[in-house]
Amino acid sequence: MISVKELSKSYGKIKALNKVSLEFSGGVAGLIGPNGAGKTTLIRILVGLARQDSGRAYLFGVEAWKDRNILRKVGVLHEKPRPPSWTSGRRFLEHICRIKGIDDANSQIERVSEMLDLRYMDRPISSYSAGMIQRLSAAACLIGDPELVIMDEPTANLDPMGRLKLLKVITNFRKRGTSFFISSHILPELERVCDHIFFLNNGKLVMEGSLDRLRDLGSFILSFSWEEAPDLLNILKEKFQVEIMDKTVLIRFKDLNGLMREISEYVLKGGRVPKDLEIRPPTLEELFLISGGGANDEVA
């Protein structure tokens, strides 16, 4: 679906993308990185809104700037959508249906309107709030059941309920066969829907893989209240690096077998297991920090 080969793009002296190569064959992929990592630049090149300095960027084997018809198979939600303010939401979606060659426009519009709670479709877009515009633009990119949807910060300007609703819609469309390529800085949201992650930093692809595989690269985390088991805390201090935040013990580790062995020996000797003891894999945010995520000086 998406194939990027040695893609580079500079804005003056600033290199937004530096020989980025990636392949995405379907599913739900997250594109993450700090501000200025090159995420939006990559998306703009993919959909034909910007030209690269070198390299290639393909959608379904075609470069969008050479053949705009390929975009009929793709829904796109830009970072700062600007639908025309002088018309209504319904008229705007009808126009999108005409562009995409969708015959059953009315049923398609009603379906996405219901999914995204667009109860204000007949009002002029000039009267919409930022959240309303975001939901309308999401509907526009989903209409017609595209094979691929590319989203840049899809939950921006949405309230918590709106964010949850959009994530549910993404999940439902995925079940129907639509694939998603999503750029977002809200990592817990990506973690809920993505099965593959691409990390960009300083214009370079620094890490990529399935979420499960990337979690194997990070450290598991054990936590419990030290007041409930001070003896266990003392034992683990001898073998592991321990952090104490308020009254909670945090241990980051990769040797799960070794940790479980220490806890088992402690229990066999009559030690008390804390009620709030928890072992979990690293979150996407923690993996992002491992990859070198953080502020940089790039432009997009």
Protein backbone atom coordinates (compact mmCIF):
# COMPACT_ATOMS: atom_id res chain seq x y z
CA MET A 1 0.00 0.00 0.00
CA ILE A 2 2.74 2.44 0.98
CA SER A 3 6.31 2.12 -0.21
CA VAL A 4 8.93 4.75 0.55
CA LYS A 5 12.46 4.41 -0.79
CA GLU A 6 15.40 6.63 0.22
CA LEU A 7 13.10 9.65 0.56
CA SER A 8 14.75 13.01 1.27
CA LYS A 9 13.33 16.51 1.54
CA SER A 10 14.92 19.75 2.70
CA TYR A 11 13.56 23.19 3.41
CA GLY A 12 16.53 25.46 2.90
CA LYS A 13 19.27 24.22 5.22
CA ILE A 14 16.88 22.11 7.28
CA LYS A 15 16.59 18.44 6.29
CA ALA A 16 13.03 17.35 7.05
CA LEU A 17 13.51 13.81 5.69
CA ASN A 18 16.85 12.06 5.32
CA LYS A 19 16.81 8.91 3.16
CA VAL A 20 13.70 7.43 4.79
CA SER A 21 12.66 3.97 3.59
CA LEU A 22 9.61 2.06 4.85
CA GLU A 23 7.04 -0.46 3.69
CA PHE A 24 3.44 -0.74 4.86
CA SER A 25 1.32 -3.54 3.41
CA GLY A 26 -1.85 -3.09 5.47
CA GLY A 27 -3.33 -3.06 8.96
CA VAL A 28 -3.11 -0.06 11.25
CA ALA A 29 0.28 1.65 11.44
CA GLY A 30 1.29 4.51 13.67
CA LEU A 31 3.81 7.12 12.55
CA ILE A 32 5.27 8.76 15.63
CA GLY A 33 8.08 11.11 16.51
CA PRO A 34 8.73 14.45 18.23
CA ASN A 35 7.58 17.74 16.76
CA GLY A 36 9.59 18.40 13.63
CA ALA A 37 10.54 14.76 13.06
CA GLY A 38 9.27 14.82 9.46
CA LYS A 39 5.90 13.11 9.88
CA THR A 40 3.76 15.72 8.13
CA THR A 41 6.34 16.19 5.38
CA LEU A 42 6.24 12.45 4.67
CA ILE A 43 2.44 12.47 4.47
CA ARG A 44 2.39 15.53 2.20
CA ILE A 45 4.76 13.82 -0.20
CA LEU A 46 2.77 10.58 -0.13
CA VAL A 47 -0.45 12.36 -1.16
CA GLY A 48 1.20 14.58 -3.75
CA LEU A 49 1.08 17.92 -1.91
CA ALA A 50 4.87 18.24 -1.79
CA ARG A 51 7.70 17.02 -3.98
CA GLN A 52 10.69 15.22 -2.58
CA ASP A 53 14.27 16.20 -3.38
CA SER A 54 15.21 12.58 -3.98
CA GLY A 55 13.86 9.08 -3.49
CA ARG A 56 10.40 7.68 -4.21
CA ALA A 57 7.05 7.54 -2.38
CA TYR A 58 4.34 5.22 -3.70
CA LEU A 59 0.68 4.60 -2.93
CA PHE A 60 -0.41 1.27 -4.39
CA GLY A 61 2.67 1.35 -6.62
CA VAL A 62 1.94 4.85 -8.00
CA GLU A 63 3.39 8.27 -7.12
CA ALA A 64 0.42 10.51 -6.30
CA TRP A 65 1.84 13.62 -7.98
CA LYS A 66 2.06 11.69 -11.25
CA ASP A 67 -1.43 10.13 -11.12
CA ARG A 68 -4.00 11.88 -8.94
CA ASN A 69 -6.57 9.18 -9.67
CA ILE A 70 -4.83 6.92 -7.18
CA LEU A 71 -6.22 9.14 -4.43
CA ARG A 72 -9.72 7.81 -5.15
CA LYS A 73 -8.60 4.70 -3.28
CA VAL A 74 -7.25 6.75 -0.37
CA GLY A 75 -8.89 8.84 2.33
CA VAL A 76 -6.76 11.67 3.73
CA LEU A 77 -7.22 13.67 6.92
CA HIS A 78 -4.72 16.53 7.04
CA GLU A 79 -3.21 17.96 10.21
CA LYS A 80 -5.19 21.21 9.96
CA PRO A 81 -8.23 20.49 7.78
CA ARG A 82 -9.90 23.51 6.18
CA PRO A 83 -13.19 22.55 4.52
CA PRO A 84 -14.89 25.43 2.65
CA SER A 85 -16.66 27.67 5.14
CA TRP A 86 -19.30 28.97 2.71
CA THR A 87 -21.17 25.68 2.34
CA SER A 88 -22.83 23.18 4.66
CA GLY A 89 -21.29 19.97 5.95
CA ARG A 90 -23.72 17.92 3.88
CA ARG A 91 -22.91 19.77 0.67
CA PHE A 92 -19.22 19.34 1.39
CA LEU A 93 -19.57 15.57 1.79
CA GLU A 94 -21.70 15.40 -1.35
CA HIS A 95 -18.85 17.10 -3.20
CA ILE A 96 -16.37 14.58 -1.81
CA CYS A 97 -18.63 11.77 -3.06
CA ARG A 98 -18.67 13.26 -6.56
CA ILE A 99 -14.88 13.55 -6.60
CA LYS A 100 -14.53 9.91 -5.54
CA GLY A 101 -17.19 8.70 -7.97
CA ILE A 102 -19.43 7.35 -5.19
CA ASP A 103 -22.92 6.50 -6.47
CA ASP A 104 -24.77 5.90 -3.18
CA ALA A 105 -23.77 9.28 -1.76
CA ASN A 106 -26.79 9.73 0.52
CA SER A 107 -26.43 6.38 2.26
CA GLN A 108 -22.67 6.86 2.62
CA ILE A 109 -23.15 10.32 4.13
CA GLU A 110 -25.80 9.10 6.56
CA ARG A 111 -23.59 6.20 7.67
CA VAL A 112 -20.49 8.25 8.48
CA SER A 113 -22.64 11.02 9.99
CA GLU A 114 -24.17 8.57 12.42
CA MET A 115 -20.80 7.01 13.27
CA LEU A 116 -19.21 10.37 14.08
CA ASP A 117 -22.29 12.04 15.54
CA LEU A 118 -22.55 14.77 12.88
CA ARG A 119 -25.89 16.24 13.93
CA TYR A 120 -25.13 19.65 12.46
CA MET A 121 -24.70 18.63 8.80
CA ASP A 122 -27.08 21.22 7.36
CA ARG A 123 -25.48 24.17 9.11
CA PRO A 124 -22.85 26.28 7.29
CA ILE A 125 -19.32 25.15 8.09
CA SER A 126 -18.48 28.74 9.08
CA SER A 127 -20.53 28.14 12.24
CA TYR A 128 -18.61 24.98 13.24
CA SER A 129 -16.27 24.73 16.19
CA ALA A 130 -12.77 23.28 15.73
CA GLY A 131 -13.99 19.90 17.01
CA MET A 132 -16.94 19.88 14.60
CA ILE A 133 -14.60 20.61 11.68
CA GLN A 134 -12.33 17.77 12.79
CA ARG A 135 -15.22 15.28 12.86
CA LEU A 136 -16.54 16.47 9.50
CA SER A 137 -13.07 16.12 7.96
CA ALA A 138 -12.72 12.63 9.44
CA ALA A 139 -16.05 11.71 7.85
CA ALA A 140 -14.83 13.06 4.50
CA CYS A 141 -11.74 10.84 4.55
CA LEU A 142 -13.74 7.73 5.54
CA ILE A 143 -16.60 8.10 3.09
CA GLY A 144 -16.73 5.50 0.35
CA ASP A 145 -14.87 2.82 2.34
CA PRO A 146 -11.38 3.62 0.99
CA GLU A 147 -8.77 0.86 0.92
CA LEU A 148 -6.32 3.09 2.78
CA VAL A 149 -6.83 6.06 5.10
CA ILE A 150 -3.95 8.40 5.95
CA MET A 151 -4.52 10.56 9.03
CA ASP A 152 -2.35 13.34 10.43
CA GLU A 153 -3.24 14.07 14.09
CA PRO A 154 -6.79 12.72 13.72
CA THR A 155 -7.95 13.42 17.28
CA ALA A 156 -6.73 17.03 17.40
CA ASN A 157 -9.42 19.43 18.73
CA LEU A 158 -11.68 16.56 19.82
CA ASP A 159 -13.01 16.26 23.36
CA PRO A 160 -12.46 12.95 25.23
CA MET A 161 -15.74 11.45 24.00
CA GLY A 162 -14.98 12.52 20.45
CA ARG A 163 -11.56 10.90 20.64
CA LEU A 164 -13.01 7.61 21.89
CA LYS A 165 -15.70 7.66 19.20
CA LEU A 166 -13.14 8.20 16.42
CA LEU A 167 -10.89 5.42 17.72
CA LYS A 168 -13.91 3.10 17.74
CA VAL A 169 -14.74 4.12 14.17
CA ILE A 170 -11.16 3.35 13.10
CA THR A 171 -11.44 -0.09 14.70
CA ASN A 172 -14.76 -0.76 12.96
CA PHE A 173 -13.47 0.32 9.55
CA ARG A 174 -10.42 -1.89 10.02
CA LYS A 175 -12.74 -4.87 10.56
CA ARG A 176 -14.34 -4.01 7.22
CA GLY A 177 -10.95 -4.13 5.46
CA THR A 178 -9.74 -0.51 5.49
CA SER A 179 -6.09 0.03 6.44
CA PHE A 180 -4.86 3.10 8.34
CA PHE A 181 -1.58 5.01 8.39
CA ILE A 182 -1.86 7.40 11.35
CA SER A 183 0.48 10.13 12.52
CA SER A 184 -0.14 11.28 16.08
CA HIS A 185 1.70 12.57 19.12
CA ILE A 186 -0.95 11.15 21.49
CA LEU A 187 0.76 7.84 21.99
CA PRO A 188 -1.74 6.07 24.28
CA GLU A 189 -4.38 6.49 21.55
CA LEU A 190 -2.13 4.95 18.91
CA GLU A 191 -1.38 2.10 21.27
CA ARG A 192 -5.09 1.26 21.37
CA VAL A 193 -5.52 0.82 17.61
CA CYS A 194 -2.12 0.18 15.97
CA ASP A 195 -0.43 -3.12 15.24
CA HIS A 196 2.69 -1.62 13.61
CA ILE A 197 4.78 1.43 14.52
CA PHE A 198 7.23 3.64 12.62
CA PHE A 199 9.44 5.97 14.71
CA LEU A 200 10.78 9.10 12.98
CA ASN A 201 13.33 11.40 14.58
CA ASN A 202 15.38 14.17 12.98
CA GLY A 203 14.08 13.14 9.58
CA LYS A 204 15.26 9.53 9.90
CA LEU A 205 13.45 6.27 10.55
CA VAL A 206 15.05 5.17 13.82
CA MET A 207 12.89 2.16 14.70
CA GLU A 208 9.99 0.20 13.24
CA GLY A 209 8.14 -3.05 13.74
CA SER A 210 5.06 -4.67 15.19
CA LEU A 211 4.01 -3.32 18.56
CA ASP A 212 4.64 -6.70 20.17
CA ARG A 213 8.16 -6.93 18.72
CA LEU A 214 9.04 -3.39 19.76
CA ARG A 215 7.86 -4.09 23.29
CA ASP A 216 10.40 -6.89 23.45
CA LEU A 217 13.11 -4.27 22.92
CA GLY A 218 12.05 -2.32 25.98
CA SER A 219 12.04 -3.17 29.65
CA PHE A 220 9.18 -4.73 31.56
CA ILE A 221 8.05 -2.77 34.59
CA LEU A 222 7.17 -4.15 38.03
CA SER A 223 5.45 -1.92 40.56
CA PHE A 224 4.09 -2.28 44.08
CA SER A 225 3.70 -0.29 47.30
CA TRP A 226 6.87 -0.72 49.34
CA GLU A 227 4.97 -0.32 52.63
CA GLU A 228 3.17 -3.62 51.91
CA ALA A 229 6.37 -5.60 51.37
CA PRO A 230 9.53 -3.87 52.65
CA ASP A 231 11.38 -7.23 52.78
CA LEU A 232 10.69 -7.83 49.08
CA LEU A 233 11.97 -4.34 48.32
CA ASN A 234 15.26 -5.08 50.11
CA ILE A 235 15.71 -8.37 48.23
CA LEU A 236 15.06 -6.83 44.82
CA LYS A 237 17.39 -3.90 45.54
CA GLU A 238 20.30 -6.35 45.59
CA LYS A 239 19.65 -7.60 42.02
CA PHE A 240 17.76 -4.85 40.19
CA GLN A 241 17.80 -1.11 39.74
CA VAL A 242 14.96 0.21 41.89
CA GLU A 243 13.15 3.55 41.72
CA ILE A 244 10.83 4.75 44.46
CA MET A 245 8.19 7.32 43.55
CA ASP A 246 6.12 8.43 46.53
CA LYS A 247 5.25 5.06 48.07
CA THR A 248 5.48 3.03 44.86
CA VAL A 249 8.43 0.82 43.88
CA LEU A 250 9.28 0.76 40.17
CA ILE A 251 11.69 -1.78 38.68
CA ARG A 252 12.57 -1.82 34.98
CA PHE A 253 13.92 -5.17 33.82
CA LYS A 254 14.39 -7.43 30.83
CA ASP A 255 15.14 -10.68 32.66
CA LEU A 256 11.58 -11.74 33.46
CA ASN A 257 12.66 -15.25 34.49
CA GLY A 258 15.24 -13.86 36.90
CA LEU A 259 12.73 -11.53 38.51
CA MET A 260 10.12 -14.24 38.88
CA ARG A 261 12.73 -16.53 40.42
CA GLU A 262 13.55 -13.93 43.09
CA ILE A 263 9.86 -13.35 43.88
CA SER A 264 9.15 -17.12 44.02
CA GLU A 265 12.00 -17.70 46.49
CA TYR A 266 10.72 -14.80 48.59
CA VAL A 267 7.18 -16.31 48.67
CA LEU A 268 8.48 -19.84 49.46
CA LYS A 269 10.22 -18.39 52.50
CA GLY A 270 6.92 -16.98 53.74
CA GLY A 271 7.15 -13.54 52.20
CA ARG A 272 4.00 -11.51 51.67
CA VAL A 273 2.98 -10.67 48.10
CA PRO A 274 1.78 -7.06 47.78
CA LYS A 275 -1.86 -6.81 46.72
CA ASP A 276 -1.04 -4.14 44.13
CA LEU A 277 1.95 -5.94 42.59
CA GLU A 278 1.83 -5.45 38.81
CA ILE A 279 4.08 -6.52 35.94
CA ARG A 280 3.45 -4.92 32.54
CA PRO A 281 5.21 -4.45 29.21
CA PRO A 282 6.57 -1.01 28.23
CA THR A 283 4.06 1.50 26.89
CA LEU A 284 4.39 3.10 23.48
CA GLU A 285 5.43 6.32 25.20
CA GLU A 286 8.30 4.51 26.93
CA LEU A 287 9.37 2.91 23.64
CA PHE A 288 9.28 6.36 22.05
CA LEU A 289 11.73 7.63 24.66
CA ILE A 290 13.97 4.60 24.06
CA SER A 291 14.05 5.46 20.35
CA GLY A 292 15.47 8.90 21.13
CA GLY A 293 12.18 10.79 21.01
CA GLY A 294 12.30 14.38 22.14
CA ALA A 295 12.28 17.90 20.82
CA ASN A 296 14.46 18.76 17.84
CA ASP A 297 15.02 21.56 15.41
CA GLU A 298 13.44 20.13 12.29
CA VAL A 299 10.46 21.74 10.62
CA ALA A 300 7.70 19.21 10.03
